[in-house]
PDB file of N, CA and C in Angstrom:
ATOM      1  N   UNK A   1       1.236  -1.099   0.254  1.00  0.00           N
ATOM      2  CA  UNK A   1      -0.219   0.158   0.234  1.00  0.00           C
ATOM      3  C   UNK A   1       1.073   1.041  -0.075  1.00  0.00           C
ATOM      4  N   UNK A   2       0.509   2.305  -0.651  1.00  0.00           N
ATOM      5  CA  UNK A   2       1.298   3.322  -1.098  1.00  0.00           C
ATOM      6  C   UNK A   2       0.814   4.379  -0.078  1.00  0.00           C
ATOM      7  N   UNK A   3       2.413   5.175   1.050  1.00  0.00           N
ATOM      8  CA  UNK A   3       2.072   6.090   1.604  1.00  0.00           C
ATOM      9  C   UNK A   3       1.563   7.425   0.933  1.00  0.00           C
ATOM     10  N   UNK A   4       0.303   8.081   1.225  1.00  0.00           N
ATOM     11  CA  UNK A   4       0.234   9.559   0.500  1.00  0.00           C
ATOM     12  C   UNK A   4       0.988  10.631   0.889  1.00  0.00           C
ATOM     13  N   UNK A   5       0.902  11.387   0.050  1.00  0.00           N
ATOM     14  CA  UNK A   5       2.234  12.419   0.388  1.00  0.00           C
ATOM     15  C   UNK A   5       1.554  13.008   1.679  1.00  0.00           C
ATOM     16  N   UNK A   6       0.566  13.091   2.015  1.00  0.00           N
ATOM     17  CA  UNK A   6       0.340  14.102   3.177  1.00  0.00           C
ATOM     18  C   UNK A   6       0.442  12.789   4.862  1.00  0.00           C
ATOM     19  N   UNK A   7       0.560  12.358   4.415  1.00  0.00           N
ATOM     20  CA  UNK A   7       1.183  11.430   5.687  1.00  0.00           C
ATOM     21  C   UNK A   7       2.726  11.422   5.582  1.00  0.00           C
ATOM     22  N   UNK A   8       3.423  11.496   4.328  1.00  0.00           N
ATOM     23  CA  UNK A   8       4.820  11.563   4.693  1.00  0.00           C
ATOM     24  C   UNK A   8       5.110  13.017   4.834  1.00  0.00           C
ATOM     25  N   UNK A   9       4.620  13.974   4.657  1.00  0.00           N
ATOM     26  CA  UNK A   9       4.871  15.182   4.970  1.00  0.00           C
ATOM     27  C   UNK A   9       4.301  15.173   6.496  1.00  0.00           C
ATOM     28  N   UNK A  10       3.525  14.748   7.153  1.00  0.00           N
ATOM     29  CA  UNK A  10       3.364  14.481   8.358  1.00  0.00           C
ATOM     30  C   UNK A  10       4.773  14.101   9.234  1.00  0.00           C
ATOM     31  N   UNK A  11       5.309  12.518   8.504  1.00  0.00           N
ATOM     32  CA  UNK A  11       6.210  12.655   9.286  1.00  0.00           C
ATOM     33  C   UNK A  11       7.383  13.568   9.531  1.00  0.00           C
ATOM     34  N   UNK A  12       7.645  13.839   8.090  1.00  0.00           N
ATOM     35  CA  UNK A  12       8.646  14.789   7.897  1.00  0.00           C
ATOM     36  C   UNK A  12       8.375  15.757   8.797  1.00  0.00           C
ATOM     37  N   UNK A  13       7.522  16.397   9.007  1.00  0.00           N
ATOM     38  CA  UNK A  13       7.066  17.615  10.522  1.00  0.00           C
ATOM     39  C   UNK A  13       7.346  17.148  11.802  1.00  0.00           C
ATOM     40  N   UNK A  14       6.803  15.884  11.888  1.00  0.00           N
ATOM     41  CA  UNK A  14       7.155  15.841  13.361  1.00  0.00           C
ATOM     42  C   UNK A  14       8.324  15.409  13.475  1.00  0.00           C
ATOM     43  N   UNK A  15       9.224  14.969  12.685  1.00  0.00           N
ATOM     44  CA  UNK A  15      10.330  13.801  13.103  1.00  0.00           C
ATOM     45  C   UNK A  15      11.035  15.657  13.090  1.00  0.00           C
ATOM     46  N   UNK A  16      11.087  16.609  12.571  1.00  0.00           N
ATOM     47  CA  UNK A  16      11.714  17.669  12.586  1.00  0.00           C
ATOM     48  C   UNK A  16      11.363  18.687  13.829  1.00  0.00           C
ATOM     49  N   UNK A  17      10.559  18.496  14.661  1.00  0.00           N
ATOM     50  CA  UNK A  17       9.638  19.181  15.175  1.00  0.00           C
ATOM     51  C   UNK A  17       9.794  18.726  16.832  1.00  0.00           C
ATOM     52  N   UNK A  18      10.014  16.965  16.799  1.00  0.00           N
ATOM     53  CA  UNK A  18       9.697  16.200  18.069  1.00  0.00           C
ATOM     54  C   UNK A  18      11.171  15.432  17.929  1.00  0.00           C
ATOM     55  N   UNK A  19      11.906  16.119  19.170  1.00  0.00           N
ATOM     56  CA  UNK A  19      13.338  14.963  19.473  1.00  0.00           C
ATOM     57  C   UNK A  19      13.110  13.802  19.979  1.00  0.00           C
ATOM     58  N   UNK A  20      11.977  13.441  20.662  1.00  0.00           N
ATOM     59  CA  UNK A  20      12.155  12.084  21.306  1.00  0.00           C
ATOM     60  C   UNK A  20      11.429  11.080  19.989  1.00  0.00           C
ATOM     61  N   UNK A  21      10.462  11.461  19.011  1.00  0.00           N
ATOM     62  CA  UNK A  21       9.736  10.880  18.335  1.00  0.00           C
ATOM     63  C   UNK A  21      10.664  10.880  17.040  1.00  0.00           C
ATOM     64  N   UNK A  22      11.926  11.522  16.644  1.00  0.00           N
ATOM     65  CA  UNK A  22      12.694  11.360  15.644  1.00  0.00           C
ATOM     66  C   UNK A  22      13.652  10.140  16.229  1.00  0.00           C
ATOM     67  N   UNK A  23      14.465  10.219  17.653  1.00  0.00           N
ATOM     68  CA  UNK A  23      14.924   9.377  17.960  1.00  0.00           C
ATOM     69  C   UNK A  23      14.189   7.703  18.038  1.00  0.00           C
ATOM     70  N   UNK A  24      12.964   7.959  18.310  1.00  0.00           N
ATOM     71  CA  UNK A  24      12.149   6.772  18.259  1.00  0.00           C
ATOM     72  C   UNK A  24      12.035   5.738  16.900  1.00  0.00           C
ATOM     73  N   UNK A  25      12.098   7.059  15.773  1.00  0.00           N
ATOM     74  CA  UNK A  25      11.609   6.397  14.539  1.00  0.00           C
ATOM     75  C   UNK A  25      13.366   5.999  14.227  1.00  0.00           C
ATOM     76  N   UNK A  26      14.656   6.300  14.512  1.00  0.00           N
ATOM     77  CA  UNK A  26      15.178   5.861  14.087  1.00  0.00           C
ATOM     78  C   UNK A  26      15.809   4.512  14.849  1.00  0.00           C
ATOM     79  N   UNK A  27      15.183   4.415  16.031  1.00  0.00           N
ATOM     80  CA  UNK A  27      15.268   2.580  16.891  1.00  0.00           C
ATOM     81  C   UNK A  27      14.518   2.030  16.470  1.00  0.00           C
ATOM     82  N   UNK A  28      13.380   2.315  15.894  1.00  0.00           N
ATOM     83  CA  UNK A  28      12.219   1.534  15.510  1.00  0.00           C
ATOM     84  C   UNK A  28      12.746   0.938  13.926  1.00  0.00           C
ATOM     85  N   UNK A  29      13.390   1.411  12.815  1.00  0.00           N
ATOM     86  CA  UNK A  29      13.991   1.701  11.769  1.00  0.00           C
ATOM     87  C   UNK A  29      14.741   0.345  12.497  1.00  0.00           C
ATOM     88  N   UNK A  30      16.051   0.751  13.229  1.00  0.00           N
ATOM     89  CA  UNK A  30      16.551  -0.622  13.209  1.00  0.00           C
ATOM     90  C   UNK A  30      16.064  -1.824  14.101  1.00  0.00           C
ATOM     91  N   UNK A  31      15.102  -1.862  14.952  1.00  0.00           N
ATOM     92  CA  UNK A  31      15.198  -3.081  15.515  1.00  0.00           C
ATOM     93  C   UNK A  31      13.977  -3.632  14.745  1.00  0.00           C
ATOM     94  N   UNK A  32      13.419  -2.765  13.956  1.00  0.00           N
ATOM     95  CA  UNK A  32      12.274  -3.668  12.654  1.00  0.00           C
ATOM     96  C   UNK A  32      13.331  -4.388  11.905  1.00  0.00           C
ATOM     97  N   UNK A  33      14.228  -3.837  11.405  1.00  0.00           N
ATOM     98  CA  UNK A  33      15.585  -4.524  10.712  1.00  0.00           C
ATOM     99  C   UNK A  33      15.930  -5.771  11.405  1.00  0.00           C
ATOM    100  N   UNK A  34      16.259  -5.988  12.565  1.00  0.00           N
ATOM    101  CA  UNK A  34      17.144  -6.409  13.312  1.00  0.00           C
ATOM    102  C   UNK A  34      16.273  -8.149  13.486  1.00  0.00           C
ATOM    103  N   UNK A  35      14.985  -7.497  13.564  1.00  0.00           N
ATOM    104  CA  UNK A  35      13.512  -8.623  13.610  1.00  0.00           C
ATOM    105  C   UNK A  35      13.253  -9.551  12.591  1.00  0.00           C
ATOM    106  N   UNK A  36      14.214  -8.770  11.662  1.00  0.00           N
ATOM    107  CA  UNK A  36      14.390 -10.081  10.323  1.00  0.00           C
ATOM    108  C   UNK A  36      13.097  -9.132   9.233  1.00  0.00           C
ATOM    109  N   UNK A  37      12.044  -8.293   9.357  1.00  0.00           N
ATOM    110  CA  UNK A  37      11.409  -7.554   8.661  1.00  0.00           C
ATOM    111  C   UNK A  37      12.179  -6.366   7.615  1.00  0.00           C
ATOM    112  N   UNK A  38      12.971  -6.554   6.617  1.00  0.00           N
ATOM    113  CA  UNK A  38      14.093  -6.082   6.204  1.00  0.00           C
ATOM    114  C   UNK A  38      13.362  -5.027   5.305  1.00  0.00           C
ATOM    115  N   UNK A  39      12.275  -5.339   4.474  1.00  0.00           N
ATOM    116  CA  UNK A  39      11.545  -4.173   4.088  1.00  0.00           C
ATOM    117  C   UNK A  39      11.018  -2.872   4.498  1.00  0.00           C
ATOM    118  N   UNK A  40      10.447  -2.978   5.774  1.00  0.00           N
ATOM    119  CA  UNK A  40       9.899  -2.489   6.856  1.00  0.00           C
ATOM    120  C   UNK A  40      10.623  -1.367   7.354  1.00  0.00           C
ATOM    121  N   UNK A  41      11.947  -2.285   7.486  1.00  0.00           N
ATOM    122  CA  UNK A  41      13.255  -1.534   8.744  1.00  0.00           C
ATOM    123  C   UNK A  41      13.752  -0.490   7.585  1.00  0.00           C
ATOM    124  N   UNK A  42      14.170  -0.845   6.096  1.00  0.00           N
ATOM    125  CA  UNK A  42      14.836  -0.179   5.207  1.00  0.00           C
ATOM    126  C   UNK A  42      13.798   1.313   5.102  1.00  0.00           C
ATOM    127  N   UNK A  43      12.018   1.105   4.931  1.00  0.00           N
ATOM    128  CA  UNK A  43      10.947   2.284   4.826  1.00  0.00           C
ATOM    129  C   UNK A  43      10.922   3.548   6.360  1.00  0.00           C
ATOM    130  N   UNK A  44      11.666   2.685   6.825  1.00  0.00           N
ATOM    131  CA  UNK A  44      11.512   3.752   8.137  1.00  0.00           C
ATOM    132  C   UNK A  44      12.565   4.346   8.533  1.00  0.00           C
ATOM    133  N   UNK A  45      13.678   3.713   8.245  1.00  0.00           N
ATOM    134  CA  UNK A  45      15.071   4.585   8.014  1.00  0.00           C
ATOM    135  C   UNK A  45      15.435   5.432   6.377  1.00  0.00           C
ATOM    136  N   UNK A  46      14.480   4.978   5.568  1.00  0.00           N
ATOM    137  CA  UNK A  46      14.552   5.873   4.258  1.00  0.00           C
ATOM    138  C   UNK A  46      13.748   7.224   4.565  1.00  0.00           C
ATOM    139  N   UNK A  47      12.643   6.999   5.429  1.00  0.00           N
ATOM    140  CA  UNK A  47      12.085   8.240   6.123  1.00  0.00           C
ATOM    141  C   UNK A  47      12.377   8.776   7.056  1.00  0.00           C
ATOM    142  N   UNK A  48      13.146   8.244   7.847  1.00  0.00           N
ATOM    143  CA  UNK A  48      14.472   9.108   8.660  1.00  0.00           C
ATOM    144  C   UNK A  48      15.281   9.499   8.139  1.00  0.00           C
ATOM    145  N   UNK A  49      15.865   9.158   7.191  1.00  0.00           N
ATOM    146  CA  UNK A  49      17.322   9.772   6.413  1.00  0.00           C
ATOM    147  C   UNK A  49      16.485  10.992   5.705  1.00  0.00           C
ATOM    148  N   UNK A  50      15.563  11.013   4.958  1.00  0.00           N
ATOM    149  CA  UNK A  50      15.150  12.112   4.268  1.00  0.00           C
ATOM    150  C   UNK A  50      14.325  13.513   5.107  1.00  0.00           C
ATOM    151  N   UNK A  51      14.078  13.013   6.395  1.00  0.00           N
ATOM    152  CA  UNK A  51      13.589  13.967   7.338  1.00  0.00           C
ATOM    153  C   UNK A  51      15.155  14.472   8.177  1.00  0.00           C
ATOM    154  N   UNK A  52      15.949  13.790   8.282  1.00  0.00           N
ATOM    155  CA  UNK A  52      17.061  14.544   9.218  1.00  0.00           C
ATOM    156  C   UNK A  52      18.346  14.477   8.191  1.00  0.00           C
ATOM    157  N   UNK A  53      19.350  14.116   7.531  1.00  0.00           N
ATOM    158  CA  UNK A  53      20.443  14.492   7.478  1.00  0.00           C
ATOM    159  C   UNK A  53      20.157  14.608   5.696  1.00  0.00           C
ATOM    160  N   UNK A  54      19.234  13.668   5.128  1.00  0.00           N
ATOM    161  CA  UNK A  54      19.074  13.602   3.828  1.00  0.00           C
ATOM    162  C   UNK A  54      19.968  12.516   2.926  1.00  0.00           C
ATOM    163  N   UNK A  55      20.140  12.322   1.823  1.00  0.00           N
ATOM    164  CA  UNK A  55      21.114  12.019   1.521  1.00  0.00           C
ATOM    165  C   UNK A  55      21.827  12.449   0.426  1.00  0.00           C
ATOM    166  N   UNK A  56      21.715  13.349   0.019  1.00  0.00           N
ATOM    167  CA  UNK A  56      22.551  13.824  -0.441  1.00  0.00           C
ATOM    168  C   UNK A  56      23.827  14.350   0.907  1.00  0.00           C
ATOM    169  N   UNK A  57      23.727  14.657   1.580  1.00  0.00           N
ATOM    170  CA  UNK A  57      24.964  14.852   3.163  1.00  0.00           C
ATOM    171  C   UNK A  57      25.075  13.560   3.690  1.00  0.00           C
ATOM    172  N   UNK A  58      24.026  12.535   3.785  1.00  0.00           N
ATOM    173  CA  UNK A  58      24.638  10.880   4.260  1.00  0.00           C
ATOM    174  C   UNK A  58      25.606  10.521   3.026  1.00  0.00           C
ATOM    175  N   UNK A  59      25.598  10.687   1.785  1.00  0.00           N
ATOM    176  CA  UNK A  59      26.324  10.482   0.893  1.00  0.00           C
ATOM    177  C   UNK A  59      27.999  10.802   1.170  1.00  0.00           C
ATOM    178  N   UNK A  60      28.006  12.013   1.058  1.00  0.00           N
ATOM    179  CA  UNK A  60      28.797  12.884   1.512  1.00  0.00           C
ATOM    180  C   UNK A  60      30.110  12.859   2.665  1.00  0.00           C
ATOM    181  N   UNK A  61      28.806  12.228   3.675  1.00  0.00           N
ATOM    182  CA  UNK A  61      29.947  12.191   4.651  1.00  0.00           C
ATOM    183  C   UNK A  61      30.193  10.400   5.066  1.00  0.00           C
ATOM    184  N   UNK A  62      29.582   9.744   4.058  1.00  0.00           N
ATOM    185  CA  UNK A  62      29.844   8.668   4.327  1.00  0.00           C
ATOM    186  C   UNK A  62      31.096   7.556   3.301  1.00  0.00           C
ATOM    187  N   UNK A  63      30.833   8.335   2.398  1.00  0.00           N
ATOM    188  CA  UNK A  63      31.966   7.806   0.872  1.00  0.00           C
ATOM    189  C   UNK A  63      30.936   7.263  -0.067  1.00  0.00           C
ATOM    190  N   UNK A  64      29.550   7.455   0.753  1.00  0.00           N
ATOM    191  CA  UNK A  64      28.504   6.526  -0.910  1.00  0.00           C
ATOM    192  C   UNK A  64      27.967   7.750  -1.617  1.00  0.00           C
ATOM    193  N   UNK A  65      27.363   7.179  -2.811  1.00  0.00           N
ATOM    194  CA  UNK A  65      26.632   8.212  -3.746  1.00  0.00           C
ATOM    195  C   UNK A  65      25.038   7.898  -3.574  1.00  0.00           C
ATOM    196  N   UNK A  66      24.457   9.177  -3.011  1.00  0.00           N
ATOM    197  CA  UNK A  66      23.323   9.426  -2.930  1.00  0.00           C
ATOM    198  C   UNK A  66      22.254   8.793  -3.526  1.00  0.00           C
ATOM    199  N   UNK A  67      22.807   8.115  -5.005  1.00  0.00           N
ATOM    200  CA  UNK A  67      21.950   7.573  -5.657  1.00  0.00           C
ATOM    201  C   UNK A  67      21.715   6.069  -5.266  1.00  0.00           C
ATOM    202  N   UNK A  68      22.904   5.682  -4.830  1.00  0.00           N
ATOM    203  CA  UNK A  68      23.397   4.055  -4.653  1.00  0.00           C
ATOM    204  C   UNK A  68      22.514   4.187  -3.150  1.00  0.00           C
ATOM    205  N   UNK A  69      22.905   5.188  -2.065  1.00  0.00           N
ATOM    206  CA  UNK A  69      21.901   5.058  -0.635  1.00  0.00           C
ATOM    207  C   UNK A  69      20.102   4.949  -1.052  1.00  0.00           C
ATOM    208  N   UNK A  70      19.982   6.091  -2.213  1.00  0.00           N
ATOM    209  CA  UNK A  70      18.442   5.672  -2.021  1.00  0.00           C
ATOM    210  C   UNK A  70      18.144   4.443  -2.972  1.00  0.00           C
ATOM    211  N   UNK A  71      18.907   4.057  -4.189  1.00  0.00           N
ATOM    212  CA  UNK A  71      18.693   2.456  -3.805  1.00  0.00           C
ATOM    213  C   UNK A  71      18.486   1.334  -2.759  1.00  0.00           C
ATOM    214  N   UNK A  72      19.637   1.821  -1.765  1.00  0.00           N
ATOM    215  CA  UNK A  72      19.655   0.454  -0.752  1.00  0.00           C
ATOM    216  C   UNK A  72      18.569   0.552   0.193  1.00  0.00           C
ATOM    217  N   UNK A  73      17.836   2.002   0.542  1.00  0.00           N
ATOM    218  CA  UNK A  73      16.864   2.039   1.062  1.00  0.00           C
ATOM    219  C   UNK A  73      15.065   1.846   0.111  1.00  0.00           C
ATOM    220  N   UNK A  74      15.515   1.284  -0.561  1.00  0.00           N
ATOM    221  CA  UNK A  74      14.370   1.533  -1.844  1.00  0.00           C
ATOM    222  C   UNK A  74      13.534   0.117  -1.655  1.00  0.00           C
ATOM    223  N   UNK A  75      12.525  -0.025  -2.260  1.00  0.00           N
ATOM    224  CA  UNK A  75      11.671  -1.010  -1.788  1.00  0.00           C
ATOM    225  C   UNK A  75      12.473  -2.489  -2.426  1.00  0.00           C
ATOM    226  N   UNK A  76      13.391  -2.256  -3.169  1.00  0.00           N
ATOM    227  CA  UNK A  76      13.988  -3.543  -4.114  1.00  0.00           C
ATOM    228  C   UNK A  76      15.505  -3.687  -3.534  1.00  0.00           C
ATOM    229  N   UNK A  77      15.815  -2.471  -2.866  1.00  0.00           N
ATOM    230  CA  UNK A  77      17.358  -2.427  -2.736  1.00  0.00           C
ATOM    231  C   UNK A  77      17.728  -3.904  -1.657  1.00  0.00           C
ATOM    232  N   UNK A  78      18.793  -4.223  -1.850  1.00  0.00           N
ATOM    233  CA  UNK A  78      19.602  -5.026  -0.953  1.00  0.00           C
ATOM    234  C   UNK A  78      20.786  -4.974  -0.469  1.00  0.00           C
ATOM    235  N   UNK A  79      20.775  -4.183   0.354  1.00  0.00           N
ATOM    236  CA  UNK A  79      22.212  -3.842   0.829  1.00  0.00           C
ATOM    237  C   UNK A  79      22.887  -4.996   1.574  1.00  0.00           C
ATOM    238  N   UNK A  80      24.346  -4.006   1.343  1.00  0.00           N
ATOM    239  CA  UNK A  80      25.522  -5.169   1.684  1.00  0.00           C
ATOM    240  C   UNK A  80      25.795  -4.587   3.212  1.00  0.00           C
ATOM    241  N   UNK A  81      25.498  -5.595   4.088  1.00  0.00           N
ATOM    242  CA  UNK A  81      25.647  -5.492   5.518  1.00  0.00           C
ATOM    243  C   UNK A  81      26.688  -4.521   5.870  1.00  0.00           C
ATOM    244  N   UNK A  82      28.027  -4.372   5.127  1.00  0.00           N
ATOM    245  CA  UNK A  82      28.859  -3.342   5.346  1.00  0.00           C
ATOM    246  C   UNK A  82      28.308  -2.202   5.113  1.00  0.00           C
ATOM    247  N   UNK A  83      27.834  -1.418   3.937  1.00  0.00           N
ATOM    248  CA  UNK A  83      27.207  -0.380   4.002  1.00  0.00           C
ATOM    249  C   UNK A  83      25.913  -0.366   4.745  1.00  0.00           C
ATOM    250  N   UNK A  84      25.249  -0.977   5.352  1.00  0.00           N
ATOM    251  CA  UNK A  84      24.097  -0.697   5.832  1.00  0.00           C
ATOM    252  C   UNK A  84      24.572  -0.370   7.427  1.00  0.00           C
ATOM    253  N   UNK A  85      25.463  -1.125   7.942  1.00  0.00           N
ATOM    254  CA  UNK A  85      26.032  -0.776   9.489  1.00  0.00           C
ATOM    255  C   UNK A  85      26.809   0.190   9.225  1.00  0.00           C
ATOM    256  N   UNK A  86      27.556   0.767   7.889  1.00  0.00           N
ATOM    257  CA  UNK A  86      28.295   2.124   8.395  1.00  0.00           C
ATOM    258  C   UNK A  86      26.883   3.206   8.451  1.00  0.00           C
ATOM    259  N   UNK A  87      25.739   3.110   7.537  1.00  0.00           N
ATOM    260  CA  UNK A  87      25.103   4.177   7.262  1.00  0.00           C
ATOM    261  C   UNK A  87      24.256   4.376   8.899  1.00  0.00           C
ATOM    262  N   UNK A  88      24.176   2.896   9.588  1.00  0.00           N
ATOM    263  CA  UNK A  88      23.624   2.941  11.328  1.00  0.00           C
ATOM    264  C   UNK A  88      24.040   3.783  11.578  1.00  0.00           C
ATOM    265  N   UNK A  89      25.631   3.426  11.833  1.00  0.00           N
ATOM    266  CA  UNK A  89      26.611   4.043  12.784  1.00  0.00           C
ATOM    267  C   UNK A  89      26.607   5.168  12.450  1.00  0.00           C
ATOM    268  N   UNK A  90      26.545   5.884  11.152  1.00  0.00           N
ATOM    269  CA  UNK A  90      26.685   7.651  10.855  1.00  0.00           C
ATOM    270  C   UNK A  90      25.260   8.063  11.775  1.00  0.00           C
ATOM    271  N   UNK A  91      24.102   7.159  11.112  1.00  0.00           N
ATOM    272  CA  UNK A  91      22.888   8.046  11.637  1.00  0.00           C
ATOM    273  C   UNK A  91      22.812   8.243  13.443  1.00  0.00           C
ATOM    274  N   UNK A  92      23.127   7.362  13.829  1.00  0.00           N
ATOM    275  CA  UNK A  92      23.108   7.419  15.345  1.00  0.00           C
ATOM    276  C   UNK A  92      24.568   8.648  15.767  1.00  0.00           C
ATOM    277  N   UNK A  93      25.248   8.560  15.114  1.00  0.00           N
ATOM    278  CA  UNK A  93      26.537   9.419  15.854  1.00  0.00           C
ATOM    279  C   UNK A  93      25.790  11.379  15.359  1.00  0.00           C
ATOM    280  N   UNK A  94      24.650  11.117  13.795  1.00  0.00           N
ATOM    281  CA  UNK A  94      24.155  12.443  13.628  1.00  0.00           C
ATOM    282  C   UNK A  94      23.598  12.509  14.777  1.00  0.00           C
ATOM    283  N   UNK A  95      22.309  11.818  15.152  1.00  0.00           N
ATOM    284  CA  UNK A  95      21.389  12.014  16.025  1.00  0.00           C
ATOM    285  C   UNK A  95      21.997  12.412  17.641  1.00  0.00           C
ATOM    286  N   UNK A  96      23.374  11.609  17.780  1.00  0.00           N
ATOM    287  CA  UNK A  96      23.711  12.175  19.363  1.00  0.00           C
ATOM    288  C   UNK A  96      23.263  10.737  19.716  1.00  0.00           C
ATOM    289  N   UNK A  97      23.168   9.576  19.250  1.00  0.00           N
ATOM    290  CA  UNK A  97      22.848   8.112  19.941  1.00  0.00           C
ATOM    291  C   UNK A  97      23.619   6.773  19.900  1.00  0.00           C
ATOM    292  N   UNK A  98      23.520   6.327  20.826  1.00  0.00           N
ATOM    293  CA  UNK A  98      24.062   5.038  20.910  1.00  0.00           C
ATOM    294  C   UNK A  98      23.372   3.805  20.895  1.00  0.00           C
ATOM    295  N   UNK A  99      22.815   3.138  20.071  1.00  0.00           N
ATOM    296  CA  UNK A  99      21.969   1.972  20.436  1.00  0.00           C
ATOM    297  C   UNK A  99      22.195   0.879  21.075  1.00  0.00           C
ATOM    298  N   UNK A 100      21.717   0.256  21.501  1.00  0.00           N
ATOM    299  CA  UNK A 100      22.347  -0.947  22.082  1.00  0.00           C
ATOM    300  C   UNK A 100      21.787  -2.225  21.530  1.00  0.00           C
ATOM    301  N   UNK A 101      22.039  -3.503  21.630  1.00  0.00           N
ATOM    302  CA  UNK A 101      21.011  -4.854  21.426  1.00  0.00           C
ATOM    303  C   UNK A 101      21.070  -5.237  23.049  1.00  0.00           C
ATOM    304  N   UNK A 102      20.263  -5.510  23.222  1.00  0.00           N
ATOM    305  CA  UNK A 102      20.188  -6.407  23.878  1.00  0.00           C
ATOM    306  C   UNK A 102      19.277  -7.851  23.549  1.00  0.00           C
ATOM    307  N   UNK A 103      19.149  -8.698  24.693  1.00  0.00           N
ATOM    308  CA  UNK A 103      18.035  -9.992  24.374  1.00  0.00           C
ATOM    309  C   UNK A 103      17.363  -9.951  25.106  1.00  0.00           C
ATOM    310  N   UNK A 104      16.489 -10.623  25.101  1.00  0.00           N
ATOM    311  CA  UNK A 104      14.692 -10.717  25.770  1.00  0.00           C
ATOM    312  C   UNK A 104      14.678 -12.216  25.558  1.00  0.00           C
ATOM    313  N   UNK A 105      14.706 -12.706  26.903  1.00  0.00           N
ATOM    314  CA  UNK A 105      13.822 -14.118  26.718  1.00  0.00           C
ATOM    315  C   UNK A 105      12.565 -14.092  26.085  1.00  0.00           C
ATOM    316  N   UNK A 106      12.575 -15.420  25.276  1.00  0.00           N
ATOM    317  CA  UNK A 106      10.953 -15.365  25.030  1.00  0.00           C
ATOM    318  C   UNK A 106       9.743 -15.948  25.683  1.00  0.00           C
TER     319      UNK A 106
END
C-alpha cells in the first residue's frame, strides 16, 4: 500500500519538531531490521534519512553515492551489511545516540 504525500509530510514535520519522535523512529527502523522485517525497516530508515540528514549529505559523509543510498533503502534494494552498518553508525552519530542490542527471553 502506497503512503500518501500528506502522511509523509506529517512524518517529516513531526521528525523535525519532536526529538523524541525522531529518536524513536531511528530506533524502530533498526529494531525492525534486526527482527527480520528488512523491507519495513528500510522504509522507516528511508523516511528518517529524508527527514534528518538527507541522502546528499549522508552520501558525502559516508563516501557513498546518494543514488546508491536511495536504491539501497528503496523497496528493491538489497544492501550489503558493510554499507548498511556504515549508514546506521553514521545515523547514530548524527543523532547523538548510541543504540545497544539486548537479548530478551521469549
